[in-house]
Structure formats: structure tokens, C-alpha cells
Amino acid sequence: MKRIPLTQGLEALVDDEDFDHLMQWKWSASGRRDYRHPARGTADGSSVKMSVVVAERMGLDTSITVDHHNRRPLDNTRGNLRSANKSQNGANRGPNQNNTSGYKGVWLCQRTRRWKANIKVKRVTYHLGTFSTAEDAARAYNEAALKHFGEFAYVNPL
């Protein structure tokens, strides 16, 4: 495993077999401040993500989305990349930034002061139950996520 320097003092991880190929370009840290990913400019003024370049070298289908298994976009090692559709990529996302419970799919009902768990599958939100603790609600979410999303499921750490 090797590191490729990016702008803003960041580095991207890549496998040894991709390092020389990727080093022919200058890479920058692109995207939101809390979610930087390596990218480079192209001759036509567009940009290409490092994960897409590596995925293409792996023979993955890049016409859909390239997903980072560990949700770390600076880790572009082959074992961390996989093809995913939009739904699978979304299933692998962690909790939203404005989340107050610390768990994906879990929120506190202000009226009852109890924890509720929901999951969204194919644009439909399912209520998974009401619980006395956030951890119990997170367990219910985890079970439903594994059932619906399999290997792409984000599992709340408990």
C-alpha cells in the first residue's frame, strides 16, 4: 500500500499495483470539507475521481457508482472499492450530520420521549418500532438494514 499526496495536506491510499499509473497526474482533494475525495482535472475541463480510475483498472462497472466499502473516500485500495447502484451506495452511508441519536435510522420522539427506528427502502419509509433506548432502536435498524441491503448495509456500531 502506498500514499499519493493531494492538495490541502491530505493523502490517498492506493495499492502498489496502481501507484505508478496514478502518479502520472496531479491529484487534488475535492468535494465538501467533511468528505474530501481525490480527483484530477481532464483536458476538457471536467474532473475524474481517483476511485473511478482504479475501478476501471480493476474491470468494475463504473457506469453506475463506485462505492467505498469503509466509507472513506481517501482509501482507494482495490479491496475497498466496488460497483454499486445509487440505492446500494446510499445504504452504505452513515448517519446524517444533523443526527442527534448517533445512530442511523434512530430518532427521539419528543412527545413520548421514546426512541423510534425507521428505514427507507426504495423510497418507502418503514417504521421499525418504538424503544426505550437508542441502542435497542439501533439494533432494530441494523437487523432491517442487513435484511434489505445485505453487504451494502451500514450497521450502527453498538
Protein backbone atom coordinates (compact mmCIF):
# COMPACT_ATOMS: atom_id res chain seq x y z
CA MET A 1 0.00 0.00 0.00
CA LYS A 2 1.27 3.46 -0.92
CA ARG A 3 0.23 7.06 -0.33
CA ILE A 4 -0.40 9.66 -3.03
CA PRO A 5 -0.11 13.30 -1.94
CA LEU A 6 -3.13 15.52 -2.51
CA THR A 7 -3.73 19.22 -2.06
CA GLN A 8 -4.65 20.55 1.41
CA GLY A 9 -2.05 18.26 3.02
CA LEU A 10 -4.14 15.12 2.51
CA GLU A 11 -3.08 11.73 1.15
CA ALA A 12 -4.86 8.95 -0.70
CA LEU A 13 -4.17 5.27 -0.08
CA VAL A 14 -3.71 3.03 -3.13
CA ASP A 15 -2.37 -0.43 -3.81
CA ASP A 16 1.20 -0.80 -5.06
CA GLU A 17 0.00 -2.02 -8.47
CA ASP A 18 -1.92 1.23 -9.11
CA PHE A 19 0.62 3.69 -7.68
CA ASP A 20 2.80 4.30 -10.76
CA HIS A 21 -0.22 4.62 -13.05
CA LEU A 22 -1.88 7.18 -10.76
CA MET A 23 1.30 9.19 -10.19
CA GLN A 24 1.32 10.39 -13.81
CA TRP A 25 -1.26 13.02 -12.74
CA LYS A 26 -1.51 15.64 -10.02
CA TRP A 27 -4.38 14.84 -7.66
CA SER A 28 -6.33 17.27 -5.53
CA ALA A 29 -8.67 16.93 -2.56
CA SER A 30 -12.09 17.74 -3.98
CA GLY A 31 -15.59 17.88 -2.51
CA ARG A 32 -17.09 19.05 0.77
CA ARG A 33 -14.80 19.87 3.67
CA ASP A 34 -16.11 16.88 5.65
CA TYR A 35 -15.98 14.48 2.68
CA ARG A 36 -12.89 15.02 0.54
CA HIS A 37 -12.12 12.67 -2.33
CA PRO A 38 -9.12 12.56 -4.69
CA ALA A 39 -9.79 13.90 -8.17
CA ARG A 40 -7.86 15.27 -11.14
CA GLY A 41 -8.73 17.62 -13.96
CA THR A 42 -9.08 16.47 -17.55
CA ALA A 43 -8.28 18.19 -20.85
CA ASP A 44 -11.94 19.09 -21.43
CA GLY A 45 -12.22 20.88 -18.07
CA SER A 46 -14.13 18.16 -16.26
CA SER A 47 -12.75 16.06 -13.43
CA VAL A 48 -12.38 12.36 -12.70
CA LYS A 49 -12.26 10.71 -9.28
CA MET A 50 -9.32 8.51 -8.37
CA SER A 51 -11.72 5.75 -7.30
CA VAL A 52 -13.13 5.61 -10.85
CA VAL A 53 -9.65 5.31 -12.38
CA VAL A 54 -8.77 2.44 -10.02
CA ALA A 55 -12.16 0.75 -10.52
CA GLU A 56 -11.72 0.84 -14.29
CA ARG A 57 -8.29 -0.79 -13.91
CA MET A 58 -10.00 -3.49 -11.80
CA GLY A 59 -12.60 -4.09 -14.51
CA LEU A 60 -15.52 -2.85 -12.39
CA ASP A 61 -18.61 -1.32 -13.96
CA THR A 62 -18.10 2.43 -13.49
CA SER A 63 -21.19 3.42 -15.46
CA ILE A 64 -23.12 3.29 -12.18
CA THR A 65 -21.32 4.26 -8.95
CA VAL A 66 -18.05 3.30 -7.31
CA ASP A 67 -18.67 2.66 -3.60
CA HIS A 68 -16.07 2.76 -0.83
CA HIS A 69 -16.82 -0.20 1.40
CA ASN A 70 -15.39 1.52 4.52
CA ARG A 71 -16.96 4.89 3.55
CA ARG A 72 -13.51 6.55 3.46
CA PRO A 73 -13.06 8.24 0.06
CA LEU A 74 -9.32 8.71 0.59
CA ASP A 75 -8.90 4.91 0.72
CA ASN A 76 -8.77 3.85 -2.93
CA THR A 77 -7.28 0.41 -2.37
CA ARG A 78 -8.79 -2.33 -4.50
CA GLY A 79 -10.26 -4.18 -1.53
CA ASN A 80 -12.24 -1.07 -0.59
CA LEU A 81 -13.85 -0.36 -3.98
CA ARG A 82 -16.90 -1.99 -5.54
CA SER A 83 -19.58 -1.18 -8.10
CA ALA A 84 -22.89 -0.10 -6.60
CA ASN A 85 -26.15 1.34 -7.79
CA LYS A 86 -27.49 4.55 -6.22
CA SER A 87 -29.60 2.65 -3.69
CA GLN A 88 -26.70 0.45 -2.57
CA ASN A 89 -24.39 3.44 -2.30
CA GLY A 90 -26.96 5.25 -0.15
CA ALA A 91 -27.46 2.19 2.04
CA ASN A 92 -23.73 2.31 2.85
CA ARG A 93 -23.91 5.94 4.07
CA GLY A 94 -23.54 6.58 7.78
CA PRO A 95 -25.78 8.80 9.90
CA ASN A 96 -26.58 12.28 8.61
CA GLN A 97 -24.60 15.19 10.02
CA ASN A 98 -27.64 16.58 11.84
CA ASN A 99 -28.31 13.24 13.54
CA THR A 100 -28.77 13.62 17.31
CA SER A 101 -29.03 9.97 18.35
CA GLY A 102 -25.63 8.94 16.97
CA TYR A 103 -27.28 6.05 15.11
CA LYS A 104 -28.52 5.83 11.55
CA GLY A 105 -32.30 5.42 11.35
CA VAL A 106 -32.87 6.30 15.02
CA TRP A 107 -34.54 9.39 16.46
CA LEU A 108 -36.08 10.53 19.72
CA CYS A 109 -39.82 11.25 19.64
CA GLN A 110 -40.17 14.49 21.62
CA ARG A 111 -43.80 13.81 22.52
CA THR A 112 -43.30 10.35 24.05
CA ARG A 113 -39.58 10.66 24.92
CA ARG A 114 -39.05 7.21 23.38
CA TRP A 115 -36.69 6.17 20.59
CA LYS A 116 -38.05 5.28 17.16
CA ALA A 117 -36.36 3.39 14.34
CA ASN A 118 -37.12 3.85 10.64
CA ILE A 119 -35.57 2.55 7.44
CA LYS A 120 -36.08 3.75 3.88
CA VAL A 121 -36.19 1.09 1.17
CA LYS A 122 -36.88 2.02 -2.46
CA ARG A 123 -38.21 5.47 -1.43
CA VAL A 124 -40.63 3.99 1.13
CA THR A 125 -40.06 4.65 4.83
CA TYR A 126 -40.86 1.77 7.20
CA HIS A 127 -41.41 2.26 10.94
CA LEU A 128 -39.47 -0.45 12.79
CA GLY A 129 -40.79 0.21 16.27
CA THR A 130 -40.59 2.34 19.38
CA PHE A 131 -37.96 1.56 22.01
CA SER A 132 -36.92 2.65 25.48
CA THR A 133 -33.24 3.03 24.49
CA ALA A 134 -31.44 4.34 21.42
CA GLU A 135 -29.34 1.17 21.37
CA ASP A 136 -32.43 -1.05 21.06
CA ALA A 137 -33.70 1.11 18.21
CA ALA A 138 -30.27 0.89 16.54
CA ARG A 139 -30.36 -2.91 16.81
CA ALA A 140 -33.75 -2.92 15.05
CA TYR A 141 -32.35 -0.69 12.30
CA ASN A 142 -29.27 -2.91 11.91
CA GLU A 143 -31.39 -6.03 11.52
CA ALA A 144 -33.61 -4.40 8.89
CA ALA A 145 -30.62 -2.91 7.04
CA LEU A 146 -28.90 -6.29 6.78
CA LYS A 147 -32.13 -7.88 5.56
CA HIS A 148 -32.78 -5.25 2.88
CA PHE A 149 -29.27 -4.15 1.85
CA GLY A 150 -27.03 -7.15 2.60
CA GLU A 151 -23.32 -6.43 2.14
CA PHE A 152 -24.07 -2.75 1.43
CA ALA A 153 -25.84 -2.18 4.75
CA TYR A 154 -24.43 0.42 7.12
CA VAL A 155 -24.51 -1.25 10.53
CA ASN A 156 -24.65 1.02 13.56
CA PRO A 157 -21.73 0.33 15.93
CA LEU A 158 -23.13 -0.80 19.29
